[in-house]
Amino acid sequence: MPRSRILGIVAIALVIALTVAAPSTLASGKPKHHVTIKGDYISGYKFQPGTITIKKGQTVHWSWNSDADHNVTFTTPDKQSGTATKVTDFHIKFKHAGTFDYSCTVHGFTGKVVVKKP
């Protein structure tokens, strides 16, 4: 069998193996618990989803590509994403159960992370 054909078969097998082995959260390109910012200057902005429910120990990821600067700001835990028009992955691992409110301090819209005990 020609070498190029063998390399082609190996490459296809590798792609199939990686696709099958990849968790569904990575195969879709998004983390399992993901929040983004929707809207525009005219209609207004919002976190989507506005409330996300997770289990203690899980991580929430935020990302956006917008026409304006935004941020994700928590008072508890004391975390902030920084303010930018585009953020590819700001994330927080929640180690305690409870309800955690956050906002975009630039525009005032809010969101909520509900963390339940496993």
N, C-alpha and C. Protein backbone atom coordinates (compact mmCIF):
# COMPACT_ATOMS: atom_id res chain seq x y z
N MET A 1 0.86 -1.17 0.00
CA MET A 1 0.00 0.00 0.00
C MET A 1 0.90 1.24 0.00
N PRO A 2 0.57 2.24 -0.83
CA PRO A 2 1.40 3.45 -0.89
C PRO A 2 1.42 4.17 0.46
N ARG A 3 2.54 4.80 0.75
CA ARG A 3 2.73 5.51 2.01
C ARG A 3 1.68 6.62 2.19
N SER A 4 1.35 7.36 1.14
CA SER A 4 0.37 8.44 1.25
C SER A 4 -1.00 7.91 1.64
N ARG A 5 -1.35 6.72 1.16
CA ARG A 5 -2.64 6.12 1.52
C ARG A 5 -2.65 5.71 3.00
N ILE A 6 -1.53 5.17 3.47
CA ILE A 6 -1.42 4.78 4.87
C ILE A 6 -1.53 6.01 5.77
N LEU A 7 -0.84 7.09 5.40
CA LEU A 7 -0.92 8.32 6.19
C LEU A 7 -2.34 8.88 6.20
N GLY A 8 -3.01 8.79 5.08
CA GLY A 8 -4.41 9.25 5.01
C GLY A 8 -5.31 8.46 5.94
N ILE A 9 -5.13 7.14 5.95
CA ILE A 9 -5.94 6.29 6.82
C ILE A 9 -5.64 6.58 8.29
N VAL A 10 -4.38 6.76 8.62
CA VAL A 10 -3.99 7.09 10.00
C VAL A 10 -4.60 8.43 10.41
N ALA A 11 -4.56 9.40 9.53
CA ALA A 11 -5.11 10.72 9.84
C ALA A 11 -6.61 10.63 10.09
N ILE A 12 -7.32 9.91 9.28
CA ILE A 12 -8.78 9.75 9.45
C ILE A 12 -9.07 9.03 10.77
N ALA A 13 -8.31 7.98 11.07
CA ALA A 13 -8.51 7.25 12.33
C ALA A 13 -8.26 8.15 13.54
N LEU A 14 -7.25 9.01 13.44
CA LEU A 14 -6.94 9.93 14.53
C LEU A 14 -8.07 10.93 14.75
N VAL A 15 -8.60 11.48 13.67
CA VAL A 15 -9.72 12.42 13.78
C VAL A 15 -10.92 11.75 14.41
N ILE A 16 -11.23 10.54 13.98
CA ILE A 16 -12.38 9.82 14.54
C ILE A 16 -12.15 9.55 16.03
N ALA A 17 -10.96 9.12 16.40
CA ALA A 17 -10.66 8.82 17.80
C ALA A 17 -10.78 10.06 18.67
N LEU A 18 -10.28 11.18 18.20
CA LEU A 18 -10.36 12.42 18.98
C LEU A 18 -11.79 12.90 19.10
N THR A 19 -12.58 12.76 18.06
CA THR A 19 -13.98 13.19 18.09
C THR A 19 -14.77 12.36 19.07
N VAL A 20 -14.56 11.06 19.08
CA VAL A 20 -15.29 10.17 19.98
C VAL A 20 -14.85 10.39 21.42
N ALA A 21 -13.56 10.63 21.65
CA ALA A 21 -13.04 10.79 23.00
C ALA A 21 -13.33 12.14 23.61
N ALA A 22 -13.59 13.16 22.79
CA ALA A 22 -13.79 14.51 23.30
C ALA A 22 -15.11 14.62 24.05
N PRO A 23 -15.11 15.25 25.23
CA PRO A 23 -16.36 15.47 25.94
C PRO A 23 -17.29 16.33 25.09
N SER A 24 -18.60 16.16 25.29
CA SER A 24 -19.56 16.91 24.48
C SER A 24 -19.41 18.42 24.66
N THR A 25 -18.95 18.85 25.83
CA THR A 25 -18.79 20.29 26.03
C THR A 25 -17.69 20.85 25.14
N LEU A 26 -16.64 20.07 24.88
CA LEU A 26 -15.57 20.55 24.02
C LEU A 26 -15.90 20.34 22.56
N ALA A 27 -16.63 19.28 22.23
CA ALA A 27 -16.99 19.02 20.84
C ALA A 27 -17.87 20.13 20.30
N SER A 28 -18.72 20.71 21.15
CA SER A 28 -19.60 21.79 20.70
C SER A 28 -18.87 23.13 20.66
N GLY A 29 -17.68 23.20 21.26
CA GLY A 29 -16.92 24.43 21.28
C GLY A 29 -17.24 25.33 22.46
N LYS A 30 -18.22 24.94 23.28
CA LYS A 30 -18.60 25.75 24.44
C LYS A 30 -18.45 24.93 25.71
N PRO A 31 -18.02 25.58 26.79
CA PRO A 31 -18.00 24.88 28.08
C PRO A 31 -19.42 24.50 28.49
N LYS A 32 -19.54 23.54 29.39
CA LYS A 32 -20.85 23.06 29.83
C LYS A 32 -21.70 24.18 30.43
N HIS A 33 -21.09 25.03 31.25
CA HIS A 33 -21.84 26.12 31.91
C HIS A 33 -21.32 27.44 31.35
N HIS A 34 -22.05 27.98 30.40
CA HIS A 34 -21.58 29.14 29.64
C HIS A 34 -22.62 30.26 29.64
N VAL A 35 -22.15 31.47 29.87
CA VAL A 35 -23.01 32.66 29.82
C VAL A 35 -22.38 33.62 28.83
N THR A 36 -23.22 34.27 28.03
CA THR A 36 -22.72 35.28 27.11
C THR A 36 -23.55 36.55 27.26
N ILE A 37 -23.18 37.58 26.57
CA ILE A 37 -23.93 38.84 26.59
C ILE A 37 -24.62 38.99 25.25
N LYS A 38 -25.92 39.22 25.30
CA LYS A 38 -26.73 39.39 24.09
C LYS A 38 -27.24 40.81 24.03
N GLY A 39 -27.56 41.26 22.83
CA GLY A 39 -28.16 42.57 22.64
C GLY A 39 -27.23 43.55 21.98
N ASP A 40 -27.71 44.79 21.90
CA ASP A 40 -26.92 45.85 21.29
C ASP A 40 -27.28 47.19 21.93
N TYR A 41 -26.61 48.23 21.48
CA TYR A 41 -26.78 49.56 22.05
C TYR A 41 -28.24 50.02 21.97
N ILE A 42 -28.95 49.70 20.90
CA ILE A 42 -30.34 50.15 20.70
C ILE A 42 -31.31 49.36 21.58
N SER A 43 -31.24 48.02 21.53
CA SER A 43 -32.22 47.20 22.25
C SER A 43 -31.85 46.93 23.70
N GLY A 44 -30.60 47.17 24.05
CA GLY A 44 -30.14 46.91 25.41
C GLY A 44 -29.39 45.59 25.47
N TYR A 45 -28.76 45.35 26.60
CA TYR A 45 -27.93 44.17 26.78
C TYR A 45 -28.47 43.32 27.91
N LYS A 46 -28.12 42.02 27.87
CA LYS A 46 -28.49 41.12 28.96
C LYS A 46 -27.55 39.92 28.96
N PHE A 47 -27.39 39.30 30.14
CA PHE A 47 -26.67 38.05 30.23
C PHE A 47 -27.61 36.94 29.77
N GLN A 48 -27.08 36.01 29.00
CA GLN A 48 -27.90 34.90 28.50
C GLN A 48 -27.21 33.59 28.82
N PRO A 49 -27.73 32.74 29.68
CA PRO A 49 -28.96 32.91 30.43
C PRO A 49 -28.79 33.89 31.59
N GLY A 50 -29.88 34.45 32.03
CA GLY A 50 -29.84 35.41 33.13
C GLY A 50 -29.54 34.75 34.46
N THR A 51 -30.01 33.52 34.63
CA THR A 51 -29.72 32.72 35.82
C THR A 51 -29.19 31.37 35.36
N ILE A 52 -28.08 30.95 35.95
CA ILE A 52 -27.52 29.64 35.63
C ILE A 52 -27.39 28.86 36.93
N THR A 53 -27.80 27.59 36.92
CA THR A 53 -27.75 26.75 38.10
C THR A 53 -26.71 25.66 37.89
N ILE A 54 -25.81 25.53 38.87
CA ILE A 54 -24.73 24.55 38.79
C ILE A 54 -24.61 23.83 40.13
N LYS A 55 -23.73 22.84 40.17
CA LYS A 55 -23.42 22.15 41.42
C LYS A 55 -22.13 22.72 42.00
N LYS A 56 -22.03 22.68 43.32
CA LYS A 56 -20.83 23.13 44.02
C LYS A 56 -19.60 22.44 43.42
N GLY A 57 -18.56 23.23 43.16
CA GLY A 57 -17.33 22.71 42.57
C GLY A 57 -17.26 22.87 41.06
N GLN A 58 -18.37 23.26 40.43
CA GLN A 58 -18.36 23.44 38.98
C GLN A 58 -17.93 24.86 38.61
N THR A 59 -17.61 25.05 37.34
CA THR A 59 -17.11 26.32 36.83
C THR A 59 -18.09 26.91 35.83
N VAL A 60 -18.28 28.22 35.92
CA VAL A 60 -19.08 28.96 34.93
C VAL A 60 -18.12 29.79 34.09
N HIS A 61 -18.35 29.78 32.78
CA HIS A 61 -17.54 30.54 31.83
C HIS A 61 -18.39 31.65 31.22
N TRP A 62 -17.81 32.84 31.07
CA TRP A 62 -18.46 33.95 30.39
C TRP A 62 -17.61 34.33 29.18
N SER A 63 -18.29 34.71 28.11
CA SER A 63 -17.59 35.25 26.94
C SER A 63 -18.55 36.16 26.19
N TRP A 64 -17.99 37.08 25.43
CA TRP A 64 -18.82 37.95 24.60
C TRP A 64 -17.98 38.63 23.54
N ASN A 65 -18.67 39.06 22.50
CA ASN A 65 -18.09 39.86 21.43
C ASN A 65 -19.18 40.87 21.10
N SER A 66 -19.02 42.09 21.53
CA SER A 66 -20.12 43.06 21.51
C SER A 66 -19.72 44.36 20.82
N ASP A 67 -20.68 45.23 20.69
CA ASP A 67 -20.43 46.55 20.11
C ASP A 67 -20.06 47.57 21.19
N ALA A 68 -19.94 47.11 22.45
CA ALA A 68 -19.61 48.01 23.55
C ALA A 68 -18.82 47.26 24.62
N ASP A 69 -18.18 47.99 25.49
CA ASP A 69 -17.45 47.39 26.60
C ASP A 69 -18.43 46.85 27.64
N HIS A 70 -18.07 45.71 28.24
CA HIS A 70 -18.85 45.08 29.31
C HIS A 70 -17.89 44.49 30.32
N ASN A 71 -18.46 44.05 31.44
CA ASN A 71 -17.69 43.29 32.41
C ASN A 71 -18.63 42.38 33.18
N VAL A 72 -18.05 41.48 33.94
CA VAL A 72 -18.78 40.62 34.87
C VAL A 72 -18.20 40.95 36.23
N THR A 73 -19.04 41.49 37.13
CA THR A 73 -18.56 41.94 38.43
C THR A 73 -19.38 41.31 39.55
N PHE A 74 -18.71 40.57 40.41
CA PHE A 74 -19.30 39.98 41.61
C PHE A 74 -18.81 40.77 42.81
N THR A 75 -19.65 40.90 43.84
CA THR A 75 -19.14 41.42 45.10
C THR A 75 -18.71 40.27 45.99
N THR A 76 -19.43 39.14 45.91
CA THR A 76 -19.05 37.92 46.63
C THR A 76 -19.24 36.75 45.67
N PRO A 77 -18.25 36.04 45.24
CA PRO A 77 -16.85 36.27 45.55
C PRO A 77 -16.35 37.54 44.89
N ASP A 78 -15.33 38.14 45.44
CA ASP A 78 -14.79 39.40 44.93
C ASP A 78 -14.01 39.12 43.64
N LYS A 79 -14.74 39.09 42.53
CA LYS A 79 -14.13 38.78 41.23
C LYS A 79 -14.67 39.74 40.19
N GLN A 80 -13.82 40.11 39.23
CA GLN A 80 -14.24 40.93 38.10
C GLN A 80 -13.47 40.50 36.86
N SER A 81 -14.17 40.50 35.73
CA SER A 81 -13.58 40.07 34.48
C SER A 81 -12.65 41.10 33.87
N GLY A 82 -12.79 42.34 34.27
CA GLY A 82 -12.14 43.41 33.53
C GLY A 82 -13.13 43.89 32.47
N THR A 83 -12.97 45.09 32.00
CA THR A 83 -13.92 45.67 31.04
C THR A 83 -13.32 45.64 29.65
N ALA A 84 -14.10 45.07 28.71
CA ALA A 84 -13.62 44.95 27.34
C ALA A 84 -14.79 44.72 26.39
N THR A 85 -14.56 44.96 25.12
CA THR A 85 -15.57 44.71 24.09
C THR A 85 -15.65 43.22 23.76
N LYS A 86 -14.52 42.53 23.86
CA LYS A 86 -14.49 41.10 23.56
C LYS A 86 -13.75 40.36 24.66
N VAL A 87 -14.38 39.32 25.19
CA VAL A 87 -13.77 38.45 26.17
C VAL A 87 -14.01 37.02 25.70
N THR A 88 -12.95 36.23 25.62
CA THR A 88 -13.10 34.86 25.12
C THR A 88 -13.37 33.84 26.22
N ASP A 89 -12.88 34.07 27.44
CA ASP A 89 -13.17 33.12 28.51
C ASP A 89 -12.78 33.68 29.87
N PHE A 90 -13.75 34.25 30.56
CA PHE A 90 -13.60 34.60 31.96
C PHE A 90 -14.35 33.51 32.72
N HIS A 91 -13.73 32.91 33.73
CA HIS A 91 -14.41 31.82 34.41
C HIS A 91 -14.14 31.85 35.91
N ILE A 92 -15.11 31.30 36.64
CA ILE A 92 -15.00 31.19 38.09
C ILE A 92 -15.46 29.79 38.50
N LYS A 93 -14.67 29.15 39.35
CA LYS A 93 -15.07 27.88 39.95
C LYS A 93 -15.74 28.21 41.28
N PHE A 94 -16.97 27.72 41.45
CA PHE A 94 -17.74 28.03 42.65
C PHE A 94 -17.57 26.90 43.67
N LYS A 95 -16.95 27.25 44.80
CA LYS A 95 -16.59 26.26 45.82
C LYS A 95 -17.62 26.18 46.95
N HIS A 96 -18.58 27.10 46.96
CA HIS A 96 -19.58 27.13 48.03
C HIS A 96 -20.97 27.21 47.44
N ALA A 97 -21.92 26.55 48.10
CA ALA A 97 -23.32 26.63 47.68
C ALA A 97 -23.88 28.01 48.02
N GLY A 98 -24.87 28.45 47.26
CA GLY A 98 -25.51 29.74 47.51
C GLY A 98 -25.94 30.38 46.21
N THR A 99 -26.43 31.60 46.33
CA THR A 99 -26.84 32.38 45.17
C THR A 99 -25.91 33.58 45.06
N PHE A 100 -25.32 33.74 43.88
CA PHE A 100 -24.31 34.78 43.66
C PHE A 100 -24.78 35.70 42.54
N ASP A 101 -25.08 36.95 42.92
CA ASP A 101 -25.52 37.95 41.96
C ASP A 101 -24.31 38.66 41.37
N TYR A 102 -24.43 39.01 40.10
CA TYR A 102 -23.36 39.76 39.44
C TYR A 102 -23.98 40.75 38.47
N SER A 103 -23.16 41.65 37.97
CA SER A 103 -23.67 42.66 37.04
C SER A 103 -22.59 43.09 36.07
N CYS A 104 -23.03 43.76 35.03
CA CYS A 104 -22.14 44.52 34.16
C CYS A 104 -22.22 45.94 34.71
N THR A 105 -21.15 46.41 35.35
CA THR A 105 -21.20 47.72 35.98
C THR A 105 -21.19 48.86 34.96
N VAL A 106 -20.89 48.56 33.70
CA VAL A 106 -20.91 49.58 32.65
C VAL A 106 -22.35 49.92 32.29
N HIS A 107 -23.23 48.90 32.15
CA HIS A 107 -24.60 49.11 31.68
C HIS A 107 -25.67 48.77 32.71
N GLY A 108 -25.31 48.11 33.81
CA GLY A 108 -26.26 47.86 34.89
C GLY A 108 -27.11 46.61 34.77
N PHE A 109 -26.95 45.80 33.72
CA PHE A 109 -27.75 44.58 33.66
C PHE A 109 -27.14 43.53 34.59
N THR A 110 -27.98 42.58 35.03
CA THR A 110 -27.57 41.65 36.08
C THR A 110 -27.75 40.20 35.67
N GLY A 111 -27.09 39.33 36.43
CA GLY A 111 -27.22 37.89 36.26
C GLY A 111 -27.08 37.24 37.61
N LYS A 112 -27.26 35.91 37.63
CA LYS A 112 -27.24 35.18 38.89
C LYS A 112 -26.70 33.77 38.65
N VAL A 113 -25.83 33.34 39.56
CA VAL A 113 -25.35 31.96 39.58
C VAL A 113 -25.92 31.31 40.84
N VAL A 114 -26.69 30.23 40.66
CA VAL A 114 -27.23 29.47 41.79
C VAL A 114 -26.40 28.20 41.89
N VAL A 115 -25.74 28.03 43.04
CA VAL A 115 -24.87 26.88 43.26
C VAL A 115 -25.53 25.98 44.29
N LYS A 116 -25.80 24.73 43.87
CA LYS A 116 -26.44 23.76 44.75
C LYS A 116 -25.43 22.76 45.27
N LYS A 117 -25.70 22.20 46.44
CA LYS A 117 -24.85 21.15 46.97
C LYS A 117 -25.02 19.92 46.09
N PRO A 118 -23.92 19.19 45.86
CA PRO A 118 -24.03 17.99 45.01
C PRO A 118 -24.89 16.91 45.61
